[in-house]
C-alpha atoms as a PDB file:
ATOM      1  CA  UNK A   1     139.339  97.466 112.522  1.00  0.00           C
ATOM      2  CA  UNK A   2     137.085 100.332 113.590  1.00  0.00           C
ATOM      3  CA  UNK A   3     134.860 100.272 116.667  1.00  0.00           C
ATOM      4  CA  UNK A   4     131.770  98.151 115.833  1.00  0.00           C
ATOM      5  CA  UNK A   5     128.674  99.821 114.492  1.00  0.00           C
ATOM      6  CA  UNK A   6     125.417  98.420 115.844  1.00  0.00           C
ATOM      7  CA  UNK A   7     122.684  96.507 114.001  1.00  0.00           C
ATOM      8  CA  UNK A   8     119.503  96.749 116.073  1.00  0.00           C
ATOM      9  CA  UNK A   9     118.087  93.324 116.977  1.00  0.00           C
ATOM     10  CA  UNK A  10     114.375  93.469 117.720  1.00  0.00           C
ATOM     11  CA  UNK A  11     113.408  89.990 116.608  1.00  0.00           C
ATOM     12  CA  UNK A  12     112.849  90.578 112.903  1.00  0.00           C
ATOM     13  CA  UNK A  13     114.796  89.890 109.734  1.00  0.00           C
ATOM     14  CA  UNK A  14     118.000  88.182 108.745  1.00  0.00           C
ATOM     15  CA  UNK A  15     120.483  90.306 110.638  1.00  0.00           C
ATOM     16  CA  UNK A  16     123.473  88.121 109.886  1.00  0.00           C
ATOM     17  CA  UNK A  17     123.525  89.011 106.174  1.00  0.00           C
ATOM     18  CA  UNK A  18     123.854  92.713 106.992  1.00  0.00           C
ATOM     19  CA  UNK A  19     126.522  91.965 109.577  1.00  0.00           C
ATOM     20  CA  UNK A  20     128.510  89.874 107.076  1.00  0.00           C
ATOM     21  CA  UNK A  21     128.315  92.613 104.433  1.00  0.00           C
ATOM     22  CA  UNK A  22     129.828  95.169 106.817  1.00  0.00           C
ATOM     23  CA  UNK A  23     132.494  92.706 107.935  1.00  0.00           C
ATOM     24  CA  UNK A  24     133.385  92.105 104.269  1.00  0.00           C
ATOM     25  CA  UNK A  25     134.131  95.845 104.090  1.00  0.00           C
ATOM     26  CA  UNK A  26     136.392  95.638 107.143  1.00  0.00           C
ATOM     27  CA  UNK A  27     133.820  97.284 109.412  1.00  0.00           C
ATOM     28  CA  UNK A  28     132.972  95.380 112.578  1.00  0.00           C
ATOM     29  CA  UNK A  29     129.229  95.142 113.231  1.00  0.00           C
ATOM     30  CA  UNK A  30     127.544  94.076 116.452  1.00  0.00           C
ATOM     31  CA  UNK A  31     123.991  92.696 116.451  1.00  0.00           C
ATOM     32  CA  UNK A  32     122.403  93.760 119.748  1.00  0.00           C
ATOM     33  CA  UNK A  33     119.215  94.765 121.530  1.00  0.00           C
ATOM     34  CA  UNK A  34     121.116  96.500 124.340  1.00  0.00           C
ATOM     35  CA  UNK A  35     120.030 100.183 124.577  1.00  0.00           C
ATOM     36  CA  UNK A  36     123.398 101.168 126.058  1.00  0.00           C
ATOM     37  CA  UNK A  37     125.242  99.631 123.106  1.00  0.00           C
ATOM     38  CA  UNK A  38     122.941 101.491 120.715  1.00  0.00           C
ATOM     39  CA  UNK A  39     123.530 104.747 122.598  1.00  0.00           C
ATOM     40  CA  UNK A  40     127.300 104.326 122.474  1.00  0.00           C
ATOM     41  CA  UNK A  41     127.723 103.026 118.932  1.00  0.00           C
ATOM     42  CA  UNK A  42     129.496 105.136 116.289  1.00  0.00           C
ATOM     43  CA  UNK A  43     126.721 104.255 113.804  1.00  0.00           C
ATOM     44  CA  UNK A  44     123.375 102.456 113.979  1.00  0.00           C
ATOM     45  CA  UNK A  45     121.577 100.246 111.443  1.00  0.00           C
ATOM     46  CA  UNK A  46     117.839  99.559 111.715  1.00  0.00           C
ATOM     47  CA  UNK A  47     116.895  96.541 109.573  1.00  0.00           C
ATOM     48  CA  UNK A  48     113.379  95.208 109.123  1.00  0.00           C
ATOM     49  CA  UNK A  49     111.440  92.378 107.594  1.00  0.00           C
ATOM     50  CA  UNK A  50     107.759  91.477 107.690  1.00  0.00           C
ATOM     51  CA  UNK A  51     104.779  93.689 108.527  1.00  0.00           C
ATOM     52  CA  UNK A  52     105.076  97.324 109.639  1.00  0.00           C
ATOM     53  CA  UNK A  53     102.805  96.779 112.657  1.00  0.00           C
ATOM     54  CA  UNK A  54     104.667  93.687 113.855  1.00  0.00           C
ATOM     55  CA  UNK A  55     108.008  95.468 113.547  1.00  0.00           C
ATOM     56  CA  UNK A  56     106.779  98.483 115.545  1.00  0.00           C
ATOM     57  CA  UNK A  57     105.257  96.146 118.139  1.00  0.00           C
ATOM     58  CA  UNK A  58     108.548  94.272 118.511  1.00  0.00           C
ATOM     59  CA  UNK A  59     110.551  97.492 118.713  1.00  0.00           C
ATOM     60  CA  UNK A  60     108.218  98.818 121.413  1.00  0.00           C
ATOM     61  CA  UNK A  61     108.201  95.551 123.374  1.00  0.00           C
ATOM     62  CA  UNK A  62     112.004  95.512 123.357  1.00  0.00           C
ATOM     63  CA  UNK A  63     112.106  99.058 124.802  1.00  0.00           C
ATOM     64  CA  UNK A  64     114.014 100.276 121.753  1.00  0.00           C
ATOM     65  CA  UNK A  65     111.810 103.046 120.353  1.00  0.00           C
ATOM     66  CA  UNK A  66     113.511 105.824 122.317  1.00  0.00           C
ATOM     67  CA  UNK A  67     117.084 104.497 121.856  1.00  0.00           C
ATOM     68  CA  UNK A  68     116.532 104.210 118.097  1.00  0.00           C
ATOM     69  CA  UNK A  69     114.995 107.694 117.878  1.00  0.00           C
ATOM     70  CA  UNK A  70     117.854 109.110 119.935  1.00  0.00           C
ATOM     71  CA  UNK A  71     120.357 107.484 117.559  1.00  0.00           C
ATOM     72  CA  UNK A  72     118.609 108.923 114.493  1.00  0.00           C
ATOM     73  CA  UNK A  73     118.646 112.395 116.058  1.00  0.00           C
ATOM     74  CA  UNK A  74     122.190 112.162 117.404  1.00  0.00           C
ATOM     75  CA  UNK A  75     124.101 113.143 114.291  1.00  0.00           C
ATOM     76  CA  UNK A  76     125.759 109.729 114.173  1.00  0.00           C
ATOM     77  CA  UNK A  77     125.391 107.816 110.871  1.00  0.00           C
ATOM     78  CA  UNK A  78     122.050 105.981 110.841  1.00  0.00           C
ATOM     79  CA  UNK A  79     120.891 103.502 108.176  1.00  0.00           C
ATOM     80  CA  UNK A  80     117.372 102.109 107.707  1.00  0.00           C
ATOM     81  CA  UNK A  81     116.908  98.977 105.594  1.00  0.00           C
ATOM     82  CA  UNK A  82     113.619  97.786 104.022  1.00  0.00           C
ATOM     83  CA  UNK A  83     110.906  97.849 106.722  1.00  0.00           C
ATOM     84  CA  UNK A  84     113.496  99.575 108.917  1.00  0.00           C
ATOM     85  CA  UNK A  85     113.259 102.431 106.427  1.00  0.00           C
ATOM     86  CA  UNK A  86     109.438 102.355 106.444  1.00  0.00           C
ATOM     87  CA  UNK A  87     109.366 102.590 110.260  1.00  0.00           C
ATOM     88  CA  UNK A  88     111.056 105.996 110.020  1.00  0.00           C
ATOM     89  CA  UNK A  89     107.809 107.475 108.619  1.00  0.00           C
ATOM     90  CA  UNK A  90     104.621 108.438 110.470  1.00  0.00           C
ATOM     91  CA  UNK A  91     102.636 105.320 109.608  1.00  0.00           C
ATOM     92  CA  UNK A  92     101.747 102.756 106.962  1.00  0.00           C
ATOM     93  CA  UNK A  93      98.672 101.632 105.060  1.00  0.00           C
ATOM     94  CA  UNK A  94      99.782  98.119 105.950  1.00  0.00           C
ATOM     95  CA  UNK A  95      99.007  98.689 109.637  1.00  0.00           C
ATOM     96  CA  UNK A  96      96.371 101.427 110.051  1.00  0.00           C
ATOM     97  CA  UNK A  97      96.476 103.133 113.438  1.00  0.00           C
ATOM     98  CA  UNK A  98     100.048 102.065 114.206  1.00  0.00           C
ATOM     99  CA  UNK A  99     102.349 105.032 114.679  1.00  0.00           C
ATOM    100  CA  UNK A 100     105.786 104.930 113.116  1.00  0.00           C
ATOM    101  CA  UNK A 101     108.882 106.664 114.431  1.00  0.00           C
ATOM    102  CA  UNK A 102     108.165 109.920 112.594  1.00  0.00           C
ATOM    103  CA  UNK A 103     111.776 110.730 111.705  1.00  0.00           C
ATOM    104  CA  UNK A 104     110.554 111.624 108.208  1.00  0.00           C
ATOM    105  CA  UNK A 105     107.071 113.165 107.845  1.00  0.00           C
ATOM    106  CA  UNK A 106     104.927 111.152 105.472  1.00  0.00           C
ATOM    107  CA  UNK A 107     103.223 107.804 105.083  1.00  0.00           C
ATOM    108  CA  UNK A 108     103.986 104.398 103.620  1.00  0.00           C
ATOM    109  CA  UNK A 109     101.591 103.185 100.922  1.00  0.00           C
ATOM    110  CA  UNK A 110     100.958  99.968  99.001  1.00  0.00           C
ATOM    111  CA  UNK A 111     101.717  99.586  95.319  1.00  0.00           C
ATOM    112  CA  UNK A 112      98.567 100.004  93.218  1.00  0.00           C
ATOM    113  CA  UNK A 113      96.320  96.959  92.804  1.00  0.00           C
ATOM    114  CA  UNK A 114      96.540  96.364  89.063  1.00  0.00           C
ATOM    115  CA  UNK A 115      96.307  93.228  86.971  1.00  0.00           C
ATOM    116  CA  UNK A 116      99.583  94.064  85.208  1.00  0.00           C
ATOM    117  CA  UNK A 117     101.584  94.739  88.394  1.00  0.00           C
ATOM    118  CA  UNK A 118     102.874  91.901  90.530  1.00  0.00           C
ATOM    119  CA  UNK A 119     103.050  92.703  94.232  1.00  0.00           C
ATOM    120  CA  UNK A 120     105.357  92.298  96.069  1.00  0.00           C
ATOM    121  CA  UNK A 121     107.891  94.064  93.900  1.00  0.00           C
ATOM    122  CA  UNK A 122     110.619  91.426  93.945  1.00  0.00           C
ATOM    123  CA  UNK A 123     113.980  91.307  92.195  1.00  0.00           C
ATOM    124  CA  UNK A 124     116.507  93.679  90.681  1.00  0.00           C
ATOM    125  CA  UNK A 125     115.621  97.225  89.681  1.00  0.00           C
ATOM    126  CA  UNK A 126     117.365 100.507  88.970  1.00  0.00           C
ATOM    127  CA  UNK A 127     118.080 103.404  91.284  1.00  0.00           C
ATOM    128  CA  UNK A 128     117.606 106.859  89.810  1.00  0.00           C
ATOM    129  CA  UNK A 129     119.659 109.266  91.874  1.00  0.00           C
ATOM    130  CA  UNK A 130     117.728 112.446  92.635  1.00  0.00           C
ATOM    131  CA  UNK A 131     120.056 113.782  95.346  1.00  0.00           C
ATOM    132  CA  UNK A 132     123.529 112.409  95.962  1.00  0.00           C
ATOM    133  CA  UNK A 133     123.722 111.930  99.722  1.00  0.00           C
ATOM    134  CA  UNK A 134     126.985 110.601 101.254  1.00  0.00           C
ATOM    135  CA  UNK A 135     125.899 106.932 101.259  1.00  0.00           C
ATOM    136  CA  UNK A 136     125.446 107.131  97.471  1.00  0.00           C
ATOM    137  CA  UNK A 137     128.872 108.642  96.767  1.00  0.00           C
ATOM    138  CA  UNK A 138     130.113 105.564  94.864  1.00  0.00           C
ATOM    139  CA  UNK A 139     126.778 104.402  93.420  1.00  0.00           C
ATOM    140  CA  UNK A 140     126.057 105.251  89.774  1.00  0.00           C
ATOM    141  CA  UNK A 141     122.735 106.516  88.483  1.00  0.00           C
ATOM    142  CA  UNK A 142     120.968 103.489  87.009  1.00  0.00           C
ATOM    143  CA  UNK A 143     122.717 100.889  89.187  1.00  0.00           C
ATOM    144  CA  UNK A 144     120.621  97.860  90.098  1.00  0.00           C
ATOM    145  CA  UNK A 145     119.740  96.842  93.666  1.00  0.00           C
ATOM    146  CA  UNK A 146     117.569  94.068  95.077  1.00  0.00           C
ATOM    147  CA  UNK A 147     113.993  94.668  96.230  1.00  0.00           C
ATOM    148  CA  UNK A 148     111.388  92.600  98.099  1.00  0.00           C
ATOM    149  CA  UNK A 149     108.494  94.827  99.223  1.00  0.00           C
ATOM    150  CA  UNK A 150     104.838  95.655  98.759  1.00  0.00           C
ATOM    151  CA  UNK A 151     104.915  99.137 100.320  1.00  0.00           C
ATOM    152  CA  UNK A 152     106.918 102.295  99.697  1.00  0.00           C
ATOM    153  CA  UNK A 153     107.102 105.730 101.331  1.00  0.00           C
ATOM    154  CA  UNK A 154     105.494 108.978 100.261  1.00  0.00           C
ATOM    155  CA  UNK A 155     107.567 111.647 102.049  1.00  0.00           C
ATOM    156  CA  UNK A 156     105.855 114.970 102.714  1.00  0.00           C
ATOM    157  CA  UNK A 157     109.157 116.774 102.145  1.00  0.00           C
ATOM    158  CA  UNK A 158     110.430 116.238  98.578  1.00  0.00           C
ATOM    159  CA  UNK A 159     113.879 117.432  99.643  1.00  0.00           C
ATOM    160  CA  UNK A 160     114.543 114.161 101.518  1.00  0.00           C
ATOM    161  CA  UNK A 161     114.189 112.024  98.360  1.00  0.00           C
ATOM    162  CA  UNK A 162     117.556 110.480  97.479  1.00  0.00           C
ATOM    163  CA  UNK A 163     116.546 107.910  94.833  1.00  0.00           C
ATOM    164  CA  UNK A 164     113.494 106.835  92.921  1.00  0.00           C
ATOM    165  CA  UNK A 165     112.736 103.605  91.073  1.00  0.00           C
ATOM    166  CA  UNK A 166     110.205 102.720  88.398  1.00  0.00           C
ATOM    167  CA  UNK A 167     107.733  99.930  89.085  1.00  0.00           C
ATOM    168  CA  UNK A 168     104.310 100.610  87.641  1.00  0.00           C
ATOM    169  CA  UNK A 169     105.283 104.259  87.983  1.00  0.00           C
ATOM    170  CA  UNK A 170     107.975 106.135  89.867  1.00  0.00           C
ATOM    171  CA  UNK A 171     108.234 105.559  93.609  1.00  0.00           C
ATOM    172  CA  UNK A 172     110.656 106.769  96.289  1.00  0.00           C
ATOM    173  CA  UNK A 173     113.201 104.017  96.927  1.00  0.00           C
ATOM    174  CA  UNK A 174     115.479 105.838  99.376  1.00  0.00           C
ATOM    175  CA  UNK A 175     115.597 108.985 101.467  1.00  0.00           C
ATOM    176  CA  UNK A 176     118.328 110.903 103.215  1.00  0.00           C
ATOM    177  CA  UNK A 177     118.702 113.874 105.521  1.00  0.00           C
ATOM    178  CA  UNK A 178     121.729 114.901 107.579  1.00  0.00           C
ATOM    179  CA  UNK A 179     123.055 111.711 109.236  1.00  0.00           C
ATOM    180  CA  UNK A 180     120.142 109.447 108.232  1.00  0.00           C
ATOM    181  CA  UNK A 181     119.938 107.395 105.033  1.00  0.00           C
ATOM    182  CA  UNK A 182     117.288 104.737 104.438  1.00  0.00           C
ATOM    183  CA  UNK A 183     116.269 102.555 101.508  1.00  0.00           C
ATOM    184  CA  UNK A 184     113.335 100.247 100.898  1.00  0.00           C
ATOM    185  CA  UNK A 185     115.662  97.825  99.048  1.00  0.00           C
ATOM    186  CA  UNK A 186     118.223  95.419 100.524  1.00  0.00           C
ATOM    187  CA  UNK A 187     121.821  96.664 100.131  1.00  0.00           C
ATOM    188  CA  UNK A 188     123.101  93.560 101.918  1.00  0.00           C
ATOM    189  CA  UNK A 189     121.605  91.434  99.100  1.00  0.00           C
ATOM    190  CA  UNK A 190     122.602  93.778  96.275  1.00  0.00           C
ATOM    191  CA  UNK A 191     126.078  92.383  95.578  1.00  0.00           C
ATOM    192  CA  UNK A 192     128.704  94.915  94.452  1.00  0.00           C
ATOM    193  CA  UNK A 193     126.344  97.891  94.284  1.00  0.00           C
ATOM    194  CA  UNK A 194     125.101  97.107  97.776  1.00  0.00           C
ATOM    195  CA  UNK A 195     128.660  96.955  99.054  1.00  0.00           C
ATOM    196  CA  UNK A 196     129.385 100.337  97.454  1.00  0.00           C
ATOM    197  CA  UNK A 197     126.381 101.801  99.245  1.00  0.00           C
ATOM    198  CA  UNK A 198     127.292 100.255 102.594  1.00  0.00           C
ATOM    199  CA  UNK A 199     130.859 101.419 102.005  1.00  0.00           C
ATOM    200  CA  UNK A 200     129.576 104.961 101.481  1.00  0.00           C
ATOM    201  CA  UNK A 201     127.706 104.670 104.765  1.00  0.00           C
ATOM    202  CA  UNK A 202     130.842 103.429 106.546  1.00  0.00           C
ATOM    203  CA  UNK A 203     132.780 106.431 105.174  1.00  0.00           C
ATOM    204  CA  UNK A 204     130.327 108.668 107.040  1.00  0.00           C
ATOM    205  CA  UNK A 205     132.083 107.462 110.201  1.00  0.00           C
ATOM    206  CA  UNK A 206     135.117 109.475 109.091  1.00  0.00           C
END
């Protein structure tokens, strides 16, 4: 079994489900809030659940903003999941005035308020592959993954868009650049397709 990748624990989300998914693939995964472990890990996963502002507050209080940013900039494989993906942008309409990590320029916005559109967007929906980054190597265009979210990113750079999804219109469902891949859906809850995606991420370890 390879050296454990690290799942960042900053007091939000169900971290065990992500850990179990990696272990199912034969990849050891350590849940930790230790900055030294994050700095030394071969790959880092930033999960997230709940409100953007609360997640940033928890990350800051745990002293993990700089370690997480360093990991994203290190060249080592880095995966953002759900709100963990949203935190990689500059900010969110959900929490005005709260600065995100700024790994990807752009903002996170709410789905439109329309009578015919239920928010949160919850359940299975298709990925449309716009750019096949390494994590998507084994995922087919049109595969279904599991979503639970009310907000989605609007990247300033269209070249980082990896997948889009249709829900009341097309929105960006995942982004990728260099070593970083991040999706607003939950691969750890997306059954076989999710395992293919996590497997593609694990292959980035070489």
